[in-house]
Amino acid sequence: IGGQWKNLGEDRLPSLEAARANFEQKKAAIWEQLQSLQPAASGVAPVAPPVAAKPVPLHRVIELTLADVRSGKESLASLATGGTRPPDFTAVRGDDPAGRAWLRAQDIDLVYYARTDSGDSGVGAYDLRLAKVPNTQFDSMDADGLVKALSGVERTEGGLMSVRDGLPVTYVFETRRGLGGVLQITGFTDNPRGVKIRYKLVLPQRDEGK
């Protein structure tokens, strides 16, 4: 204002850096207040912030546990970051076009369903190219093997990695970003009901211009 830095009318902060730090503190306080008020106001679980944006390094094995989506707990995952989050029932009402658009906007790849509408059980895979492979290939899978396994496989808006026939079960995948990897569902959990997953990326994200 007038060539001078102002913090919403306050001139007691000595520098731009101090003003930014003050703003971050205020933002955190407002978020905490929103979280505390939301359940009472809406009757639903608080909405978590988006999954972390830090990318997963290639070849590092990432282990996740996903709860059943109906539990309202951590049941959604991004393969790009390894981040998980609970569903936002204020934005998503089911596995329909609107729900899939929300998952896409949040860069969510996986959702665990303890029971689907068809009576199956497994991990929903969204906007992925997906192919089942032998369990022994989890350790040996590389970029060349991934490309070969996914040859001719089309991307689908919504697929299911079923766990009905027993575990472990292993798949290779390519995400909507072009990240490729191998994923294995290794076991179940209780309280809440869920599944254990491990995966690793073997193919980097494609350039946006290509």
N, C-alpha and C. Protein backbone atom coordinates (compact mmCIF):
# COMPACT_ATOMS: atom_id res chain seq x y z
N ILE A 1 0.86 -1.18 0.00
CA ILE A 1 0.00 0.00 0.00
C ILE A 1 0.89 1.22 0.00
N GLY A 2 0.77 2.05 -1.03
CA GLY A 2 1.63 3.22 -1.08
C GLY A 2 3.10 2.88 -1.14
N GLY A 3 3.43 1.72 -1.74
CA GLY A 3 4.81 1.31 -1.82
C GLY A 3 5.35 0.65 -0.58
N GLN A 4 4.49 0.44 0.43
CA GLN A 4 4.92 -0.17 1.69
C GLN A 4 4.17 -1.47 1.92
N TRP A 5 4.87 -2.46 2.53
CA TRP A 5 4.24 -3.74 2.86
C TRP A 5 3.33 -3.57 4.07
N LYS A 6 2.09 -4.01 3.92
CA LYS A 6 1.13 -3.97 5.02
C LYS A 6 0.53 -5.35 5.21
N ASN A 7 0.27 -5.73 6.47
CA ASN A 7 -0.35 -7.01 6.79
C ASN A 7 -1.77 -6.76 7.26
N LEU A 8 -2.67 -6.57 6.29
CA LEU A 8 -4.08 -6.32 6.59
C LEU A 8 -4.25 -5.18 7.58
N GLY A 9 -3.56 -4.11 7.34
CA GLY A 9 -3.71 -2.94 8.19
C GLY A 9 -2.76 -2.91 9.36
N GLU A 10 -1.99 -3.98 9.60
CA GLU A 10 -1.06 -4.00 10.72
C GLU A 10 0.33 -3.58 10.25
N ASP A 11 0.97 -2.65 10.96
CA ASP A 11 2.31 -2.23 10.58
C ASP A 11 3.33 -2.53 11.68
N ARG A 12 2.94 -3.46 12.60
CA ARG A 12 3.84 -3.79 13.69
C ARG A 12 4.86 -4.85 13.31
N LEU A 13 4.72 -5.49 12.14
CA LEU A 13 5.66 -6.53 11.72
C LEU A 13 6.80 -5.89 10.94
N PRO A 14 8.04 -6.20 11.28
CA PRO A 14 9.19 -5.46 10.77
C PRO A 14 9.58 -5.76 9.33
N SER A 15 9.13 -6.91 8.78
CA SER A 15 9.63 -7.29 7.45
C SER A 15 8.61 -8.15 6.73
N LEU A 16 8.88 -8.34 5.45
CA LEU A 16 8.03 -9.21 4.64
C LEU A 16 8.07 -10.64 5.15
N GLU A 17 9.28 -11.11 5.56
CA GLU A 17 9.41 -12.47 6.07
C GLU A 17 8.59 -12.66 7.35
N ALA A 18 8.63 -11.67 8.22
CA ALA A 18 7.85 -11.76 9.45
C ALA A 18 6.37 -11.78 9.16
N ALA A 19 5.94 -10.97 8.19
CA ALA A 19 4.53 -10.93 7.83
C ALA A 19 4.08 -12.27 7.27
N ARG A 20 4.94 -12.89 6.43
CA ARG A 20 4.58 -14.20 5.88
C ARG A 20 4.45 -15.25 6.98
N ALA A 21 5.38 -15.23 7.94
CA ALA A 21 5.32 -16.19 9.05
C ALA A 21 4.06 -15.98 9.86
N ASN A 22 3.69 -14.72 10.07
CA ASN A 22 2.47 -14.41 10.81
C ASN A 22 1.24 -14.90 10.06
N PHE A 23 1.27 -14.76 8.73
CA PHE A 23 0.15 -15.23 7.92
C PHE A 23 -0.01 -16.75 8.01
N GLU A 24 1.12 -17.48 7.95
CA GLU A 24 1.07 -18.94 8.04
C GLU A 24 0.49 -19.39 9.38
N GLN A 25 0.85 -18.68 10.47
CA GLN A 25 0.30 -19.03 11.78
C GLN A 25 -1.20 -18.81 11.81
N LYS A 26 -1.65 -17.70 11.24
CA LYS A 26 -3.08 -17.43 11.20
C LYS A 26 -3.82 -18.47 10.36
N LYS A 27 -3.22 -18.84 9.24
CA LYS A 27 -3.85 -19.83 8.36
C LYS A 27 -4.01 -21.16 9.07
N ALA A 28 -2.97 -21.60 9.80
CA ALA A 28 -3.04 -22.86 10.54
C ALA A 28 -4.12 -22.81 11.61
N ALA A 29 -4.22 -21.67 12.29
CA ALA A 29 -5.24 -21.54 13.34
C ALA A 29 -6.64 -21.59 12.76
N ILE A 30 -6.84 -20.95 11.60
CA ILE A 30 -8.16 -20.96 10.95
C ILE A 30 -8.53 -22.38 10.52
N TRP A 31 -7.54 -23.14 9.98
CA TRP A 31 -7.79 -24.52 9.56
C TRP A 31 -8.20 -25.38 10.75
N GLU A 32 -7.50 -25.25 11.87
CA GLU A 32 -7.84 -26.03 13.06
C GLU A 32 -9.24 -25.69 13.55
N GLN A 33 -9.59 -24.41 13.48
CA GLN A 33 -10.93 -24.01 13.91
C GLN A 33 -12.00 -24.61 13.00
N LEU A 34 -11.72 -24.61 11.69
CA LEU A 34 -12.66 -25.21 10.74
C LEU A 34 -12.86 -26.68 11.02
N GLN A 35 -11.75 -27.40 11.28
CA GLN A 35 -11.83 -28.82 11.56
C GLN A 35 -12.65 -29.11 12.81
N SER A 36 -12.52 -28.26 13.83
CA SER A 36 -13.24 -28.50 15.08
C SER A 36 -14.72 -28.21 14.94
N LEU A 37 -15.09 -27.30 14.04
CA LEU A 37 -16.49 -26.91 13.88
C LEU A 37 -17.24 -27.77 12.87
N GLN A 38 -16.52 -28.35 11.92
CA GLN A 38 -17.17 -29.03 10.81
C GLN A 38 -18.06 -30.21 11.22
N PRO A 39 -17.62 -31.12 12.12
CA PRO A 39 -18.49 -32.24 12.46
C PRO A 39 -19.81 -31.80 13.07
N ALA A 40 -19.77 -30.80 13.94
CA ALA A 40 -21.00 -30.35 14.58
C ALA A 40 -21.92 -29.68 13.59
N ALA A 41 -21.33 -28.98 12.61
CA ALA A 41 -22.15 -28.24 11.67
C ALA A 41 -22.75 -29.12 10.60
N SER A 42 -22.04 -30.15 10.16
CA SER A 42 -22.49 -30.93 9.01
C SER A 42 -22.83 -32.37 9.33
N GLY A 43 -22.38 -32.89 10.48
CA GLY A 43 -22.65 -34.27 10.83
C GLY A 43 -21.78 -35.26 10.10
N VAL A 44 -20.71 -34.80 9.44
CA VAL A 44 -19.80 -35.69 8.73
C VAL A 44 -18.39 -35.48 9.24
N ALA A 45 -17.51 -36.41 8.89
CA ALA A 45 -16.12 -36.31 9.34
C ALA A 45 -15.44 -35.11 8.72
N PRO A 46 -14.46 -34.51 9.42
CA PRO A 46 -13.74 -33.38 8.86
C PRO A 46 -13.06 -33.76 7.55
N VAL A 47 -12.95 -32.79 6.65
CA VAL A 47 -12.32 -33.01 5.37
C VAL A 47 -10.82 -32.83 5.51
N ALA A 48 -10.05 -33.83 5.12
CA ALA A 48 -8.61 -33.73 5.21
C ALA A 48 -8.06 -32.92 4.05
N PRO A 49 -6.90 -32.28 4.23
CA PRO A 49 -6.27 -31.59 3.11
C PRO A 49 -5.80 -32.61 2.08
N PRO A 50 -5.50 -32.16 0.85
CA PRO A 50 -5.04 -33.09 -0.19
C PRO A 50 -3.80 -33.86 0.24
N VAL A 51 -3.60 -35.03 -0.43
CA VAL A 51 -2.44 -35.84 -0.11
C VAL A 51 -1.16 -35.05 -0.39
N ALA A 52 -0.08 -35.43 0.31
CA ALA A 52 1.17 -34.71 0.18
C ALA A 52 1.69 -34.75 -1.25
N ALA A 53 2.37 -33.68 -1.67
CA ALA A 53 2.80 -33.55 -3.06
C ALA A 53 4.22 -34.07 -3.29
N LYS A 54 4.93 -34.50 -2.25
CA LYS A 54 6.30 -34.96 -2.43
C LYS A 54 6.31 -36.26 -3.21
N PRO A 55 7.04 -36.33 -4.34
CA PRO A 55 6.99 -37.53 -5.18
C PRO A 55 7.72 -38.72 -4.56
N VAL A 56 7.27 -39.91 -4.93
CA VAL A 56 7.91 -41.15 -4.49
C VAL A 56 9.12 -41.43 -5.38
N PRO A 57 10.29 -41.72 -4.79
CA PRO A 57 11.47 -42.06 -5.61
C PRO A 57 11.27 -43.39 -6.35
N LEU A 58 11.90 -43.52 -7.49
CA LEU A 58 11.83 -44.78 -8.24
C LEU A 58 12.48 -45.90 -7.44
N HIS A 59 11.88 -47.09 -7.55
CA HIS A 59 12.40 -48.34 -6.99
C HIS A 59 12.31 -48.44 -5.46
N ARG A 60 11.83 -47.44 -4.80
CA ARG A 60 11.64 -47.54 -3.35
C ARG A 60 10.31 -48.22 -3.06
N VAL A 61 10.31 -49.23 -2.21
CA VAL A 61 9.08 -49.94 -1.86
C VAL A 61 8.30 -49.11 -0.84
N ILE A 62 7.08 -48.79 -1.19
CA ILE A 62 6.18 -48.02 -0.33
C ILE A 62 5.11 -48.95 0.22
N GLU A 63 4.89 -48.90 1.52
CA GLU A 63 3.87 -49.74 2.16
C GLU A 63 2.73 -48.86 2.68
N LEU A 64 1.51 -49.27 2.34
CA LEU A 64 0.32 -48.53 2.74
C LEU A 64 -0.69 -49.47 3.37
N THR A 65 -1.54 -48.92 4.22
CA THR A 65 -2.72 -49.63 4.72
C THR A 65 -3.94 -48.78 4.39
N LEU A 66 -4.90 -49.36 3.69
CA LEU A 66 -6.12 -48.65 3.32
C LEU A 66 -7.31 -49.29 4.02
N ALA A 67 -8.10 -48.47 4.69
CA ALA A 67 -9.33 -48.93 5.33
C ALA A 67 -10.46 -48.99 4.31
N ASP A 68 -11.51 -49.71 4.65
CA ASP A 68 -12.71 -49.72 3.80
C ASP A 68 -13.23 -48.30 3.67
N VAL A 69 -13.58 -47.92 2.44
CA VAL A 69 -14.01 -46.54 2.20
C VAL A 69 -15.22 -46.16 3.03
N ARG A 70 -16.07 -47.13 3.35
CA ARG A 70 -17.28 -46.82 4.13
C ARG A 70 -16.97 -46.46 5.59
N SER A 71 -15.75 -46.76 6.03
CA SER A 71 -15.38 -46.44 7.42
C SER A 71 -15.14 -44.95 7.61
N GLY A 72 -14.92 -44.24 6.51
CA GLY A 72 -14.61 -42.83 6.61
C GLY A 72 -13.17 -42.55 7.00
N LYS A 73 -12.35 -43.61 7.08
CA LYS A 73 -10.95 -43.44 7.47
C LYS A 73 -10.05 -43.43 6.23
N GLU A 74 -8.74 -43.53 6.45
CA GLU A 74 -7.77 -43.43 5.35
C GLU A 74 -7.96 -44.58 4.37
N SER A 75 -8.66 -44.32 3.28
CA SER A 75 -9.00 -45.38 2.33
C SER A 75 -8.65 -45.03 0.89
N LEU A 76 -8.14 -43.83 0.65
CA LEU A 76 -7.80 -43.36 -0.68
C LEU A 76 -6.29 -43.13 -0.75
N ALA A 77 -5.68 -43.40 -1.91
CA ALA A 77 -4.23 -43.25 -2.02
C ALA A 77 -3.83 -42.70 -3.38
N SER A 78 -2.75 -41.94 -3.37
CA SER A 78 -2.10 -41.47 -4.59
C SER A 78 -0.81 -42.25 -4.79
N LEU A 79 -0.66 -42.89 -5.93
CA LEU A 79 0.55 -43.65 -6.22
C LEU A 79 1.74 -42.74 -6.50
N ALA A 80 1.48 -41.52 -6.93
CA ALA A 80 2.56 -40.59 -7.22
C ALA A 80 3.30 -40.15 -5.96
N THR A 81 2.56 -40.02 -4.86
CA THR A 81 3.14 -39.48 -3.63
C THR A 81 3.21 -40.49 -2.49
N GLY A 82 2.42 -41.57 -2.57
CA GLY A 82 2.31 -42.49 -1.44
C GLY A 82 1.43 -41.95 -0.34
N GLY A 83 0.75 -40.83 -0.59
CA GLY A 83 -0.12 -40.22 0.41
C GLY A 83 -1.47 -40.89 0.47
N THR A 84 -2.08 -40.90 1.65
CA THR A 84 -3.43 -41.44 1.83
C THR A 84 -4.31 -40.39 2.48
N ARG A 85 -5.61 -40.57 2.35
CA ARG A 85 -6.56 -39.64 2.95
C ARG A 85 -7.91 -40.32 3.09
N PRO A 86 -8.77 -39.81 3.96
CA PRO A 86 -10.13 -40.33 4.04
C PRO A 86 -10.98 -39.77 2.91
N PRO A 87 -12.12 -40.39 2.64
CA PRO A 87 -13.03 -39.85 1.61
C PRO A 87 -13.69 -38.58 2.10
N ASP A 88 -14.08 -37.74 1.16
CA ASP A 88 -14.84 -36.53 1.47
C ASP A 88 -16.29 -36.78 1.08
N PHE A 89 -17.10 -37.19 2.06
CA PHE A 89 -18.48 -37.55 1.77
C PHE A 89 -19.34 -36.34 1.42
N THR A 90 -18.81 -35.13 1.65
CA THR A 90 -19.55 -33.94 1.22
C THR A 90 -19.40 -33.71 -0.28
N ALA A 91 -18.35 -34.30 -0.88
CA ALA A 91 -18.09 -34.12 -2.31
C ALA A 91 -18.38 -35.36 -3.13
N VAL A 92 -18.27 -36.55 -2.51
CA VAL A 92 -18.42 -37.81 -3.24
C VAL A 92 -19.52 -38.63 -2.59
N ARG A 93 -20.47 -39.04 -3.40
CA ARG A 93 -21.59 -39.85 -2.91
C ARG A 93 -21.50 -41.30 -3.33
N GLY A 94 -20.58 -41.62 -4.25
CA GLY A 94 -20.47 -43.00 -4.69
C GLY A 94 -19.54 -43.11 -5.89
N ASP A 95 -19.41 -44.34 -6.40
CA ASP A 95 -18.57 -44.60 -7.56
C ASP A 95 -19.37 -44.28 -8.81
N ASP A 96 -19.48 -42.99 -9.11
CA ASP A 96 -20.23 -42.51 -10.26
C ASP A 96 -19.38 -41.47 -10.99
N PRO A 97 -19.85 -40.94 -12.13
CA PRO A 97 -19.03 -39.98 -12.86
C PRO A 97 -18.57 -38.78 -12.02
N ALA A 98 -19.44 -38.26 -11.18
CA ALA A 98 -19.06 -37.12 -10.34
C ALA A 98 -17.99 -37.53 -9.33
N GLY A 99 -18.15 -38.72 -8.75
CA GLY A 99 -17.16 -39.20 -7.79
C GLY A 99 -15.82 -39.45 -8.45
N ARG A 100 -15.82 -40.01 -9.66
CA ARG A 100 -14.57 -40.28 -10.36
C ARG A 100 -13.89 -38.98 -10.78
N ALA A 101 -14.67 -37.98 -11.14
CA ALA A 101 -14.10 -36.67 -11.48
C ALA A 101 -13.41 -36.06 -10.27
N TRP A 102 -14.01 -36.24 -9.09
CA TRP A 102 -13.39 -35.72 -7.86
C TRP A 102 -12.08 -36.45 -7.57
N LEU A 103 -12.08 -37.77 -7.72
CA LEU A 103 -10.85 -38.54 -7.52
C LEU A 103 -9.75 -38.08 -8.47
N ARG A 104 -10.14 -37.82 -9.71
CA ARG A 104 -9.17 -37.36 -10.71
C ARG A 104 -8.60 -35.99 -10.33
N ALA A 105 -9.46 -35.11 -9.87
CA ALA A 105 -9.01 -33.77 -9.48
C ALA A 105 -8.06 -33.82 -8.29
N GLN A 106 -8.26 -34.79 -7.40
CA GLN A 106 -7.40 -34.94 -6.22
C GLN A 106 -6.19 -35.83 -6.49
N ASP A 107 -6.05 -36.33 -7.72
CA ASP A 107 -4.98 -37.25 -8.11
C ASP A 107 -4.98 -38.51 -7.24
N ILE A 108 -6.17 -39.03 -6.96
CA ILE A 108 -6.33 -40.28 -6.23
C ILE A 108 -6.40 -41.43 -7.22
N ASP A 109 -5.59 -42.46 -6.98
CA ASP A 109 -5.55 -43.62 -7.88
C ASP A 109 -6.27 -44.84 -7.31
N LEU A 110 -6.24 -45.00 -5.98
CA LEU A 110 -6.72 -46.23 -5.34
C LEU A 110 -7.76 -45.93 -4.28
N VAL A 111 -8.77 -46.81 -4.20
CA VAL A 111 -9.79 -46.77 -3.14
C VAL A 111 -10.09 -48.21 -2.74
N TYR A 112 -10.09 -48.48 -1.43
CA TYR A 112 -10.38 -49.85 -1.00
C TYR A 112 -11.86 -50.02 -0.70
N TYR A 113 -12.45 -51.07 -1.28
CA TYR A 113 -13.84 -51.44 -1.06
C TYR A 113 -13.89 -52.83 -0.42
N ALA A 114 -14.28 -52.91 0.85
CA ALA A 114 -14.43 -54.22 1.49
C ALA A 114 -15.54 -55.02 0.81
N ARG A 115 -16.52 -54.32 0.26
CA ARG A 115 -17.58 -54.99 -0.49
C ARG A 115 -18.12 -54.02 -1.53
N THR A 116 -18.06 -54.43 -2.80
CA THR A 116 -18.60 -53.61 -3.87
C THR A 116 -20.08 -53.90 -4.05
N ASP A 117 -20.71 -53.11 -4.89
CA ASP A 117 -22.15 -53.32 -5.16
C ASP A 117 -22.40 -54.68 -5.80
N SER A 118 -21.40 -55.22 -6.49
CA SER A 118 -21.55 -56.53 -7.14
C SER A 118 -21.21 -57.69 -6.20
N GLY A 119 -20.79 -57.36 -4.96
CA GLY A 119 -20.47 -58.41 -4.00
C GLY A 119 -19.00 -58.80 -3.97
N ASP A 120 -18.18 -58.15 -4.80
CA ASP A 120 -16.75 -58.43 -4.83
C ASP A 120 -16.06 -57.62 -3.73
N SER A 121 -14.77 -57.79 -3.61
CA SER A 121 -13.97 -57.04 -2.64
C SER A 121 -12.62 -56.77 -3.25
N GLY A 122 -12.10 -55.55 -3.09
CA GLY A 122 -10.79 -55.26 -3.64
C GLY A 122 -10.47 -53.78 -3.65
N VAL A 123 -9.39 -53.47 -4.32
CA VAL A 123 -8.91 -52.10 -4.41
C VAL A 123 -9.30 -51.52 -5.77
N GLY A 124 -10.12 -50.47 -5.73
CA GLY A 124 -10.50 -49.80 -6.95
C GLY A 124 -9.33 -49.03 -7.53
N ALA A 125 -9.13 -49.13 -8.85
CA ALA A 125 -8.02 -48.49 -9.54
C ALA A 125 -8.61 -47.54 -10.59
N TYR A 126 -8.29 -46.25 -10.48
CA TYR A 126 -8.96 -45.24 -11.30
C TYR A 126 -8.00 -44.60 -12.30
N ASP A 127 -8.41 -44.60 -13.57
CA ASP A 127 -7.64 -44.04 -14.68
C ASP A 127 -6.28 -44.72 -14.82
N LEU A 128 -6.23 -46.00 -14.55
CA LEU A 128 -4.99 -46.77 -14.64
C LEU A 128 -5.04 -47.75 -15.81
N ARG A 129 -3.86 -47.99 -16.41
CA ARG A 129 -3.66 -49.19 -17.21
C ARG A 129 -3.19 -50.24 -16.22
N LEU A 130 -3.79 -51.43 -16.27
CA LEU A 130 -3.61 -52.40 -15.20
C LEU A 130 -3.54 -53.80 -15.77
N ALA A 131 -2.59 -54.61 -15.28
CA ALA A 131 -2.49 -56.00 -15.72
C ALA A 131 -2.00 -56.86 -14.56
N LYS A 132 -2.62 -58.01 -14.37
CA LYS A 132 -2.22 -58.93 -13.32
C LYS A 132 -0.98 -59.71 -13.76
N VAL A 133 -0.04 -59.88 -12.82
CA VAL A 133 1.20 -60.62 -13.12
C VAL A 133 1.48 -61.60 -11.99
N PRO A 134 2.36 -62.57 -12.20
CA PRO A 134 2.72 -63.50 -11.12
C PRO A 134 3.31 -62.77 -9.92
N ASN A 135 3.03 -63.28 -8.72
CA ASN A 135 3.51 -62.64 -7.50
C ASN A 135 5.04 -62.54 -7.45
N THR A 136 5.72 -63.48 -8.07
CA THR A 136 7.19 -63.48 -8.05
C THR A 136 7.79 -62.30 -8.80
N GLN A 137 6.98 -61.63 -9.62
CA GLN A 137 7.52 -60.53 -10.41
C GLN A 137 7.58 -59.21 -9.64
N PHE A 138 7.08 -59.19 -8.40
CA PHE A 138 7.14 -57.93 -7.65
C PHE A 138 8.60 -57.48 -7.48
N ASP A 139 9.47 -58.40 -7.09
CA ASP A 139 10.86 -58.05 -6.85
C ASP A 139 11.65 -57.82 -8.13
N SER A 140 11.31 -58.54 -9.18
CA SER A 140 12.12 -58.50 -10.41
C SER A 140 11.62 -57.49 -11.44
N MET A 141 10.44 -56.91 -11.27
CA MET A 141 9.87 -56.05 -12.30
C MET A 141 10.74 -54.83 -12.55
N ASP A 142 11.00 -54.57 -13.85
CA ASP A 142 11.74 -53.37 -14.24
C ASP A 142 10.95 -52.64 -15.34
N ALA A 143 11.52 -51.55 -15.86
CA ALA A 143 10.80 -50.74 -16.83
C ALA A 143 10.47 -51.54 -18.10
N ASP A 144 11.41 -52.34 -18.58
CA ASP A 144 11.17 -53.13 -19.79
C ASP A 144 10.07 -54.16 -19.57
N GLY A 145 10.10 -54.82 -18.41
CA GLY A 145 9.05 -55.80 -18.10
C GLY A 145 7.70 -55.16 -17.96
N LEU A 146 7.66 -53.96 -17.41
CA LEU A 146 6.40 -53.23 -17.25
C LEU A 146 5.80 -52.89 -18.61
N VAL A 147 6.62 -52.35 -19.50
CA VAL A 147 6.13 -51.99 -20.83
C VAL A 147 5.59 -53.22 -21.56
N LYS A 148 6.27 -54.33 -21.44
CA LYS A 148 5.83 -55.57 -22.08
C LYS A 148 4.51 -56.07 -21.49
N ALA A 149 4.40 -56.04 -20.15
CA ALA A 149 3.19 -56.54 -19.49
C ALA A 149 1.97 -55.69 -19.81
N LEU A 150 2.19 -54.40 -20.05
CA LEU A 150 1.06 -53.50 -20.32
C LEU A 150 0.81 -53.29 -21.81
N SER A 151 1.56 -53.98 -22.65
CA SER A 151 1.37 -53.85 -24.09
C SER A 151 -0.06 -54.23 -24.49
N GLY A 152 -0.73 -53.32 -25.17
CA GLY A 152 -2.09 -53.58 -25.62
C GLY A 152 -3.16 -53.37 -24.56
N VAL A 153 -2.79 -53.00 -23.35
CA VAL A 153 -3.76 -52.80 -22.26
C VAL A 153 -4.29 -51.37 -22.31
N GLU A 154 -5.59 -51.22 -22.35
CA GLU A 154 -6.21 -49.90 -22.40
C GLU A 154 -6.41 -49.34 -20.99
N ARG A 155 -6.39 -48.03 -20.90
CA ARG A 155 -6.68 -47.36 -19.63
C ARG A 155 -8.18 -47.40 -19.37
N THR A 156 -8.57 -47.63 -18.11
CA THR A 156 -9.99 -47.66 -17.75
C THR A 156 -10.28 -46.62 -16.68
N GLU A 157 -11.49 -46.07 -16.71
CA GLU A 157 -11.88 -45.10 -15.69
C GLU A 157 -11.92 -45.72 -14.31
N GLY A 158 -12.36 -46.97 -14.24
CA GLY A 158 -12.45 -47.64 -12.95
C GLY A 158 -12.31 -49.15 -13.09
N GLY A 159 -11.26 -49.70 -12.48
CA GLY A 159 -11.07 -51.14 -12.45
C GLY A 159 -11.01 -51.62 -11.02
N LEU A 160 -10.91 -52.93 -10.82
CA LEU A 160 -10.87 -53.49 -9.47
C LEU A 160 -9.78 -54.55 -9.39
N MET A 161 -8.89 -54.40 -8.43
CA MET A 161 -7.92 -55.43 -8.11
C MET A 161 -8.54 -56.29 -7.02
N SER A 162 -9.17 -57.38 -7.43
CA SER A 162 -9.96 -58.20 -6.52
C SER A 162 -9.08 -58.97 -5.54
N VAL A 163 -9.58 -59.08 -4.31
CA VAL A 163 -8.89 -59.88 -3.28
C VAL A 163 -9.73 -61.10 -2.89
N ARG A 164 -10.78 -61.34 -3.65
CA ARG A 164 -11.72 -62.41 -3.30
C ARG A 164 -11.10 -63.80 -3.38
N ASP A 165 -10.13 -63.97 -4.28
CA ASP A 165 -9.54 -65.30 -4.49
C ASP A 165 -8.27 -65.53 -3.68
N GLY A 166 -8.01 -64.68 -2.71
CA GLY A 166 -6.85 -64.88 -1.85
C GLY A 166 -5.70 -63.93 -2.13
N LEU A 167 -4.79 -63.88 -1.18
CA LEU A 167 -3.63 -62.98 -1.26
C LEU A 167 -2.34 -63.78 -1.08
N PRO A 168 -1.22 -63.24 -1.58
CA PRO A 168 -1.08 -61.94 -2.24
C PRO A 168 -1.56 -61.98 -3.68
N VAL A 169 -1.75 -60.80 -4.23
CA VAL A 169 -2.09 -60.64 -5.63
C VAL A 169 -1.30 -59.44 -6.15
N THR A 170 -0.78 -59.55 -7.38
CA THR A 170 0.17 -58.56 -7.88
C THR A 170 -0.27 -58.02 -9.24
N TYR A 171 -0.11 -56.72 -9.42
CA TYR A 171 -0.46 -56.05 -10.68
C TYR A 171 0.64 -55.07 -11.08
N VAL A 172 0.78 -54.88 -12.38
CA VAL A 172 1.56 -53.76 -12.88
C VAL A 172 0.57 -52.67 -13.30
N PHE A 173 1.02 -51.42 -13.27
CA PHE A 173 0.10 -50.31 -13.54
C PHE A 173 0.83 -49.16 -14.21
N GLU A 174 0.04 -48.33 -14.86
CA GLU A 174 0.49 -47.02 -15.31
C GLU A 174 -0.59 -46.02 -14.92
N THR A 175 -0.21 -44.95 -14.23
CA THR A 175 -1.18 -43.97 -13.74
C THR A 175 -1.54 -42.97 -14.82
N ARG A 176 -2.49 -42.12 -14.51
CA ARG A 176 -2.91 -41.07 -15.44
C ARG A 176 -1.76 -40.11 -15.74
N ARG A 177 -0.78 -40.03 -14.83
CA ARG A 177 0.39 -39.19 -15.04
C ARG A 177 1.47 -39.86 -15.90
N GLY A 178 1.29 -41.16 -16.14
CA GLY A 178 2.29 -41.91 -16.87
C GLY A 178 3.31 -42.61 -15.99
N LEU A 179 3.14 -42.54 -14.66
CA LEU A 179 4.02 -43.27 -13.76
C LEU A 179 3.71 -44.76 -13.85
N GLY A 180 4.76 -45.58 -13.95
CA GLY A 180 4.56 -47.02 -14.04
C GLY A 180 5.18 -47.74 -12.87
N GLY A 181 4.55 -48.83 -12.44
CA GLY A 181 5.08 -49.56 -11.31
C GLY A 181 4.42 -50.91 -11.13
N VAL A 182 4.77 -51.55 -10.03
CA VAL A 182 4.21 -52.85 -9.67
C VAL A 182 3.66 -52.74 -8.26
N LEU A 183 2.48 -53.33 -8.05
CA LEU A 183 1.76 -53.22 -6.78
C LEU A 183 1.33 -54.60 -6.33
N GLN A 184 1.44 -54.83 -5.03
CA GLN A 184 1.03 -56.12 -4.47
C GLN A 184 0.15 -55.88 -3.25
N ILE A 185 -1.01 -56.53 -3.24
CA ILE A 185 -1.89 -56.51 -2.06
C ILE A 185 -1.49 -57.72 -1.22
N THR A 186 -1.03 -57.47 0.00
CA THR A 186 -0.36 -58.52 0.77
C THR A 186 -1.16 -59.10 1.92
N GLY A 187 -2.16 -58.39 2.43
CA GLY A 187 -2.88 -58.91 3.59
C GLY A 187 -4.04 -58.03 4.00
N PHE A 188 -4.73 -58.49 5.03
CA PHE A 188 -5.89 -57.77 5.55
C PHE A 188 -5.60 -57.21 6.95
N THR A 189 -6.39 -56.22 7.35
CA THR A 189 -6.32 -55.68 8.70
C THR A 189 -7.73 -55.66 9.29
N ASP A 190 -7.80 -55.53 10.60
CA ASP A 190 -9.07 -55.40 11.31
C ASP A 190 -9.08 -54.12 12.13
N ASN A 191 -10.28 -53.64 12.42
CA ASN A 191 -10.46 -52.48 13.31
C ASN A 191 -9.63 -51.26 12.92
N PRO A 192 -9.90 -50.62 11.78
CA PRO A 192 -10.98 -50.94 10.85
C PRO A 192 -10.55 -51.99 9.83
N ARG A 193 -11.54 -52.56 9.19
CA ARG A 193 -11.28 -53.53 8.15
C ARG A 193 -10.53 -52.86 7.00
N GLY A 194 -9.45 -53.49 6.54
CA GLY A 194 -8.67 -52.88 5.49
C GLY A 194 -7.73 -53.86 4.82
N VAL A 195 -6.88 -53.32 3.95
CA VAL A 195 -5.88 -54.14 3.25
C VAL A 195 -4.51 -53.49 3.36
N LYS A 196 -3.49 -54.35 3.30
CA LYS A 196 -2.11 -53.88 3.26
C LYS A 196 -1.61 -53.95 1.81
N ILE A 197 -0.92 -52.91 1.41
CA ILE A 197 -0.42 -52.79 0.04
C ILE A 197 1.05 -52.40 0.08
N ARG A 198 1.80 -52.94 -0.87
CA ARG A 198 3.15 -52.42 -1.11
C ARG A 198 3.30 -52.21 -2.60
N TYR A 199 4.07 -51.20 -2.98
CA TYR A 199 4.28 -50.95 -4.41
C TYR A 199 5.60 -50.21 -4.60
N LYS A 200 6.05 -50.21 -5.84
CA LYS A 200 7.23 -49.42 -6.20
C LYS A 200 7.06 -48.93 -7.63
N LEU A 201 7.59 -47.76 -7.89
CA LEU A 201 7.57 -47.19 -9.22
C LEU A 201 8.85 -47.59 -9.96
N VAL A 202 8.70 -47.99 -11.23
CA VAL A 202 9.86 -48.37 -12.03
C VAL A 202 9.95 -47.56 -13.32
N LEU A 203 8.94 -46.74 -13.58
CA LEU A 203 8.91 -45.92 -14.79
C LEU A 203 8.54 -44.51 -14.40
N PRO A 204 9.37 -43.50 -14.73
CA PRO A 204 9.08 -42.13 -14.30
C PRO A 204 7.91 -41.51 -15.04
N GLN A 205 7.43 -40.41 -14.48
CA GLN A 205 6.33 -39.68 -15.10
C GLN A 205 6.75 -39.17 -16.46
N ARG A 206 5.85 -39.29 -17.44
CA ARG A 206 6.16 -38.78 -18.78
C ARG A 206 6.16 -37.27 -18.78
N ASP A 207 6.91 -36.67 -19.70
CA ASP A 207 6.89 -35.22 -19.88
C ASP A 207 5.53 -34.81 -20.41
N GLU A 208 5.01 -33.67 -19.86
CA GLU A 208 3.68 -33.22 -20.27
C GLU A 208 3.61 -32.89 -21.74
N GLY A 209 4.74 -32.52 -22.32
CA GLY A 209 4.72 -32.13 -23.74
C GLY A 209 4.79 -33.28 -24.71
N LYS A 210 4.94 -34.49 -24.17
CA LYS A 210 5.09 -35.66 -25.04
C LYS A 210 3.83 -36.47 -25.10
